[in-house]
Amino acid sequence: SLDPFTVPLMSSGQIKEQFTIVVSMELSDEDYRIDIAYAIPRIRHEVYNELLHLVTFRRKGDTIPQIAVFKQQLFKVAARVVGDKVKGVVVQQAFKAPLK
């Protein structure tokens, strides 16, 4: 499991809410665990970039994508960073909340 990712949600040019998602990666082999651990900073960077595109800068009226979309897109990100060492991405939690 990765630490939660939190990104702002913009509406009418203002940040009014935030979106948080918790994901874990299924490895194709347990022996890859150490390789993934070293790649975590790059994976986190790439996931944040993807979430900014999927969530923060959506068009007016667009809703947050379905969980299946997140799983698919975040799997592509992980595969791009670490190749076939990851066989899947599991979304453990996903929610939006008002800024406090």
N, C-alpha and C. Protein backbone atom coordinates (compact mmCIF):
# COMPACT_ATOMS: atom_id res chain seq x y z
N SER A 1 0.84 -1.19 0.00
CA SER A 1 0.00 0.00 0.00
C SER A 1 0.88 1.24 0.00
N LEU A 2 0.40 2.23 -0.71
CA LEU A 2 1.09 3.52 -0.74
C LEU A 2 0.39 4.47 0.23
N ASP A 3 1.11 5.44 0.72
CA ASP A 3 0.48 6.48 1.54
C ASP A 3 -0.60 7.17 0.70
N PRO A 4 -1.61 7.73 1.33
CA PRO A 4 -2.70 8.38 0.58
C PRO A 4 -2.20 9.52 -0.30
N PHE A 5 -2.90 9.69 -1.41
CA PHE A 5 -2.66 10.81 -2.32
C PHE A 5 -3.83 11.77 -2.15
N THR A 6 -3.53 13.06 -1.96
CA THR A 6 -4.58 14.07 -1.83
C THR A 6 -4.30 15.18 -2.82
N VAL A 7 -5.32 15.49 -3.64
CA VAL A 7 -5.18 16.56 -4.64
C VAL A 7 -6.37 17.52 -4.50
N PRO A 8 -6.16 18.77 -4.86
CA PRO A 8 -7.24 19.75 -4.77
C PRO A 8 -8.26 19.55 -5.89
N LEU A 9 -9.51 19.93 -5.60
CA LEU A 9 -10.57 19.94 -6.60
C LEU A 9 -10.92 21.39 -6.88
N MET A 10 -10.79 21.80 -8.12
CA MET A 10 -11.07 23.18 -8.49
C MET A 10 -12.48 23.30 -9.06
N SER A 11 -13.15 24.37 -8.68
CA SER A 11 -14.48 24.67 -9.20
C SER A 11 -14.54 26.17 -9.40
N SER A 12 -14.85 26.60 -10.61
CA SER A 12 -14.93 28.03 -10.94
C SER A 12 -13.63 28.75 -10.58
N GLY A 13 -12.51 28.08 -10.81
CA GLY A 13 -11.20 28.68 -10.56
C GLY A 13 -10.77 28.73 -9.11
N GLN A 14 -11.56 28.13 -8.22
CA GLN A 14 -11.21 28.12 -6.81
C GLN A 14 -11.15 26.69 -6.29
N ILE A 15 -10.27 26.48 -5.33
CA ILE A 15 -10.17 25.17 -4.69
C ILE A 15 -11.15 25.15 -3.52
N LYS A 16 -12.15 24.27 -3.64
CA LYS A 16 -13.18 24.19 -2.61
C LYS A 16 -13.23 22.83 -1.93
N GLU A 17 -12.70 21.81 -2.61
CA GLU A 17 -12.72 20.46 -2.07
C GLU A 17 -11.37 19.81 -2.33
N GLN A 18 -11.20 18.65 -1.72
CA GLN A 18 -10.00 17.86 -1.99
C GLN A 18 -10.42 16.42 -2.23
N PHE A 19 -9.62 15.73 -3.02
CA PHE A 19 -9.87 14.33 -3.34
C PHE A 19 -8.72 13.50 -2.79
N THR A 20 -9.06 12.43 -2.08
CA THR A 20 -8.04 11.55 -1.51
C THR A 20 -8.27 10.14 -2.03
N ILE A 21 -7.18 9.49 -2.40
CA ILE A 21 -7.25 8.12 -2.88
C ILE A 21 -6.11 7.32 -2.26
N VAL A 22 -6.41 6.10 -1.85
CA VAL A 22 -5.42 5.19 -1.29
C VAL A 22 -5.36 3.98 -2.22
N VAL A 23 -4.16 3.69 -2.69
CA VAL A 23 -3.99 2.56 -3.61
C VAL A 23 -2.89 1.63 -3.11
N SER A 24 -2.98 0.40 -3.56
CA SER A 24 -1.90 -0.55 -3.33
C SER A 24 -1.58 -1.20 -4.66
N MET A 25 -0.39 -1.73 -4.75
CA MET A 25 0.05 -2.37 -5.98
C MET A 25 0.21 -3.86 -5.76
N GLU A 26 -0.33 -4.63 -6.68
CA GLU A 26 -0.13 -6.07 -6.67
C GLU A 26 1.12 -6.37 -7.49
N LEU A 27 2.06 -7.07 -6.89
CA LEU A 27 3.31 -7.37 -7.57
C LEU A 27 3.20 -8.69 -8.31
N SER A 28 3.90 -8.78 -9.44
CA SER A 28 3.89 -10.03 -10.19
C SER A 28 4.78 -11.08 -9.53
N ASP A 29 5.68 -10.63 -8.63
CA ASP A 29 6.53 -11.57 -7.88
C ASP A 29 6.96 -10.85 -6.59
N GLU A 30 6.87 -11.53 -5.47
CA GLU A 30 7.25 -10.94 -4.18
C GLU A 30 8.70 -10.46 -4.17
N ASP A 31 9.55 -11.06 -4.99
CA ASP A 31 10.95 -10.67 -5.04
C ASP A 31 11.14 -9.24 -5.56
N TYR A 32 10.12 -8.67 -6.19
CA TYR A 32 10.21 -7.31 -6.72
C TYR A 32 9.94 -6.25 -5.66
N ARG A 33 9.57 -6.66 -4.45
CA ARG A 33 9.21 -5.71 -3.40
C ARG A 33 10.30 -4.66 -3.17
N ILE A 34 11.55 -5.07 -3.13
CA ILE A 34 12.65 -4.11 -2.88
C ILE A 34 12.80 -3.14 -4.06
N ASP A 35 12.62 -3.65 -5.29
CA ASP A 35 12.70 -2.77 -6.47
C ASP A 35 11.60 -1.72 -6.43
N ILE A 36 10.42 -2.14 -6.03
CA ILE A 36 9.30 -1.20 -5.94
C ILE A 36 9.55 -0.17 -4.85
N ALA A 37 10.11 -0.61 -3.74
CA ALA A 37 10.40 0.31 -2.63
C ALA A 37 11.32 1.44 -3.10
N TYR A 38 12.32 1.10 -3.91
CA TYR A 38 13.23 2.13 -4.42
C TYR A 38 12.54 3.05 -5.43
N ALA A 39 11.52 2.55 -6.09
CA ALA A 39 10.83 3.33 -7.12
C ALA A 39 9.67 4.17 -6.56
N ILE A 40 9.36 4.03 -5.27
CA ILE A 40 8.21 4.73 -4.69
C ILE A 40 8.23 6.24 -4.93
N PRO A 41 9.34 6.95 -4.74
CA PRO A 41 9.30 8.40 -5.00
C PRO A 41 8.89 8.73 -6.44
N ARG A 42 9.40 7.99 -7.40
CA ARG A 42 9.04 8.25 -8.81
C ARG A 42 7.59 7.85 -9.07
N ILE A 43 7.17 6.73 -8.49
CA ILE A 43 5.77 6.30 -8.66
C ILE A 43 4.83 7.36 -8.09
N ARG A 44 5.13 7.87 -6.90
CA ARG A 44 4.29 8.89 -6.29
C ARG A 44 4.23 10.16 -7.16
N HIS A 45 5.35 10.57 -7.69
CA HIS A 45 5.40 11.74 -8.56
C HIS A 45 4.50 11.55 -9.78
N GLU A 46 4.63 10.40 -10.41
CA GLU A 46 3.85 10.13 -11.62
C GLU A 46 2.36 9.98 -11.32
N VAL A 47 2.03 9.37 -10.18
CA VAL A 47 0.62 9.23 -9.80
C VAL A 47 0.02 10.61 -9.52
N TYR A 48 0.75 11.47 -8.82
CA TYR A 48 0.24 12.82 -8.58
C TYR A 48 -0.02 13.55 -9.89
N ASN A 49 0.89 13.43 -10.84
CA ASN A 49 0.67 14.07 -12.15
C ASN A 49 -0.60 13.55 -12.80
N GLU A 50 -0.81 12.25 -12.75
CA GLU A 50 -2.01 11.67 -13.36
C GLU A 50 -3.27 12.13 -12.63
N LEU A 51 -3.23 12.16 -11.31
CA LEU A 51 -4.40 12.60 -10.55
C LEU A 51 -4.73 14.07 -10.82
N LEU A 52 -3.72 14.89 -10.99
CA LEU A 52 -3.98 16.29 -11.31
C LEU A 52 -4.75 16.41 -12.62
N HIS A 53 -4.41 15.57 -13.59
CA HIS A 53 -5.12 15.60 -14.86
C HIS A 53 -6.52 14.98 -14.76
N LEU A 54 -6.65 13.91 -13.99
CA LEU A 54 -7.94 13.23 -13.87
C LEU A 54 -8.93 13.97 -12.98
N VAL A 55 -8.43 14.65 -11.96
CA VAL A 55 -9.32 15.19 -10.93
C VAL A 55 -9.29 16.72 -10.86
N THR A 56 -8.12 17.29 -10.66
CA THR A 56 -8.04 18.72 -10.36
C THR A 56 -8.50 19.59 -11.52
N PHE A 57 -8.02 19.30 -12.71
CA PHE A 57 -8.29 20.18 -13.84
C PHE A 57 -9.39 19.64 -14.75
N ARG A 58 -10.45 19.12 -14.15
CA ARG A 58 -11.56 18.64 -14.96
C ARG A 58 -12.40 19.85 -15.40
N ARG A 59 -13.15 19.64 -16.48
CA ARG A 59 -13.99 20.73 -17.00
C ARG A 59 -15.19 20.97 -16.11
N LYS A 60 -15.74 22.16 -16.21
CA LYS A 60 -16.91 22.52 -15.41
C LYS A 60 -18.03 21.51 -15.65
N GLY A 61 -18.57 21.00 -14.58
CA GLY A 61 -19.67 20.05 -14.69
C GLY A 61 -19.23 18.60 -14.76
N ASP A 62 -17.95 18.33 -15.07
CA ASP A 62 -17.46 16.96 -15.11
C ASP A 62 -17.42 16.39 -13.70
N THR A 63 -17.77 15.15 -13.57
CA THR A 63 -17.69 14.49 -12.27
C THR A 63 -16.35 13.78 -12.16
N ILE A 64 -16.03 13.34 -10.97
CA ILE A 64 -14.82 12.57 -10.76
C ILE A 64 -15.01 11.23 -11.45
N PRO A 65 -13.98 10.72 -12.15
CA PRO A 65 -14.11 9.44 -12.86
C PRO A 65 -14.46 8.28 -11.92
N GLN A 66 -14.98 7.23 -12.51
CA GLN A 66 -15.30 6.02 -11.77
C GLN A 66 -14.02 5.35 -11.29
N ILE A 67 -14.14 4.52 -10.26
CA ILE A 67 -12.98 3.82 -9.69
C ILE A 67 -12.27 2.99 -10.75
N ALA A 68 -13.01 2.38 -11.66
CA ALA A 68 -12.39 1.57 -12.72
C ALA A 68 -11.43 2.41 -13.57
N VAL A 69 -11.78 3.67 -13.80
CA VAL A 69 -10.90 4.56 -14.57
C VAL A 69 -9.61 4.83 -13.79
N PHE A 70 -9.73 5.08 -12.50
CA PHE A 70 -8.54 5.29 -11.67
C PHE A 70 -7.64 4.06 -11.70
N LYS A 71 -8.24 2.89 -11.51
CA LYS A 71 -7.44 1.66 -11.51
C LYS A 71 -6.69 1.50 -12.83
N GLN A 72 -7.38 1.71 -13.93
CA GLN A 72 -6.77 1.55 -15.25
C GLN A 72 -5.64 2.56 -15.46
N GLN A 73 -5.91 3.82 -15.18
CA GLN A 73 -4.91 4.86 -15.41
C GLN A 73 -3.71 4.72 -14.47
N LEU A 74 -3.96 4.42 -13.21
CA LEU A 74 -2.86 4.30 -12.25
C LEU A 74 -2.04 3.03 -12.51
N PHE A 75 -2.67 1.99 -13.05
CA PHE A 75 -1.90 0.81 -13.45
C PHE A 75 -0.96 1.17 -14.60
N LYS A 76 -1.45 1.95 -15.55
CA LYS A 76 -0.59 2.40 -16.67
C LYS A 76 0.60 3.19 -16.14
N VAL A 77 0.36 4.04 -15.16
CA VAL A 77 1.45 4.82 -14.56
C VAL A 77 2.47 3.90 -13.92
N ALA A 78 2.01 2.96 -13.10
CA ALA A 78 2.92 2.04 -12.42
C ALA A 78 3.70 1.20 -13.43
N ALA A 79 3.03 0.73 -14.46
CA ALA A 79 3.70 -0.08 -15.48
C ALA A 79 4.75 0.74 -16.23
N ARG A 80 4.45 2.01 -16.45
CA ARG A 80 5.41 2.88 -17.13
C ARG A 80 6.66 3.08 -16.28
N VAL A 81 6.49 3.13 -14.97
CA VAL A 81 7.62 3.39 -14.07
C VAL A 81 8.42 2.11 -13.77
N VAL A 82 7.73 1.01 -13.48
CA VAL A 82 8.44 -0.21 -13.04
C VAL A 82 8.23 -1.40 -13.96
N GLY A 83 7.55 -1.22 -15.06
CA GLY A 83 7.37 -2.31 -16.02
C GLY A 83 6.43 -3.39 -15.52
N ASP A 84 6.74 -4.62 -15.86
CA ASP A 84 5.85 -5.73 -15.55
C ASP A 84 6.00 -6.26 -14.13
N LYS A 85 6.70 -5.52 -13.28
CA LYS A 85 6.83 -5.92 -11.88
C LYS A 85 5.51 -5.73 -11.13
N VAL A 86 4.63 -4.89 -11.68
CA VAL A 86 3.31 -4.67 -11.08
C VAL A 86 2.28 -5.35 -11.97
N LYS A 87 1.43 -6.17 -11.34
CA LYS A 87 0.40 -6.85 -12.14
C LYS A 87 -0.98 -6.23 -11.96
N GLY A 88 -1.11 -5.32 -10.99
CA GLY A 88 -2.39 -4.66 -10.80
C GLY A 88 -2.33 -3.57 -9.76
N VAL A 89 -3.33 -2.71 -9.79
CA VAL A 89 -3.48 -1.63 -8.81
C VAL A 89 -4.85 -1.80 -8.17
N VAL A 90 -4.89 -1.72 -6.86
CA VAL A 90 -6.15 -1.84 -6.11
C VAL A 90 -6.44 -0.49 -5.46
N VAL A 91 -7.64 0.02 -5.69
CA VAL A 91 -8.07 1.25 -5.03
C VAL A 91 -8.73 0.85 -3.71
N GLN A 92 -8.09 1.20 -2.61
CA GLN A 92 -8.59 0.82 -1.30
C GLN A 92 -9.62 1.82 -0.77
N GLN A 93 -9.40 3.09 -1.04
CA GLN A 93 -10.33 4.15 -0.65
C GLN A 93 -10.25 5.27 -1.67
N ALA A 94 -11.36 5.95 -1.89
CA ALA A 94 -11.39 7.14 -2.73
C ALA A 94 -12.58 7.99 -2.26
N PHE A 95 -12.28 9.23 -1.93
CA PHE A 95 -13.36 10.11 -1.46
C PHE A 95 -12.97 11.56 -1.66
N LYS A 96 -14.01 12.41 -1.71
CA LYS A 96 -13.76 13.85 -1.74
C LYS A 96 -14.35 14.46 -0.49
N ALA A 97 -13.74 15.57 -0.06
CA ALA A 97 -14.16 16.24 1.15
C ALA A 97 -13.95 17.73 1.00
N PRO A 98 -14.73 18.53 1.71
CA PRO A 98 -14.52 19.98 1.66
C PRO A 98 -13.20 20.36 2.32
N LEU A 99 -12.62 21.46 1.85
CA LEU A 99 -11.41 21.97 2.51
C LEU A 99 -11.78 22.45 3.89
N LYS A 100 -10.87 22.27 4.81
CA LYS A 100 -11.14 22.69 6.18
C LYS A 100 -10.45 23.97 6.49
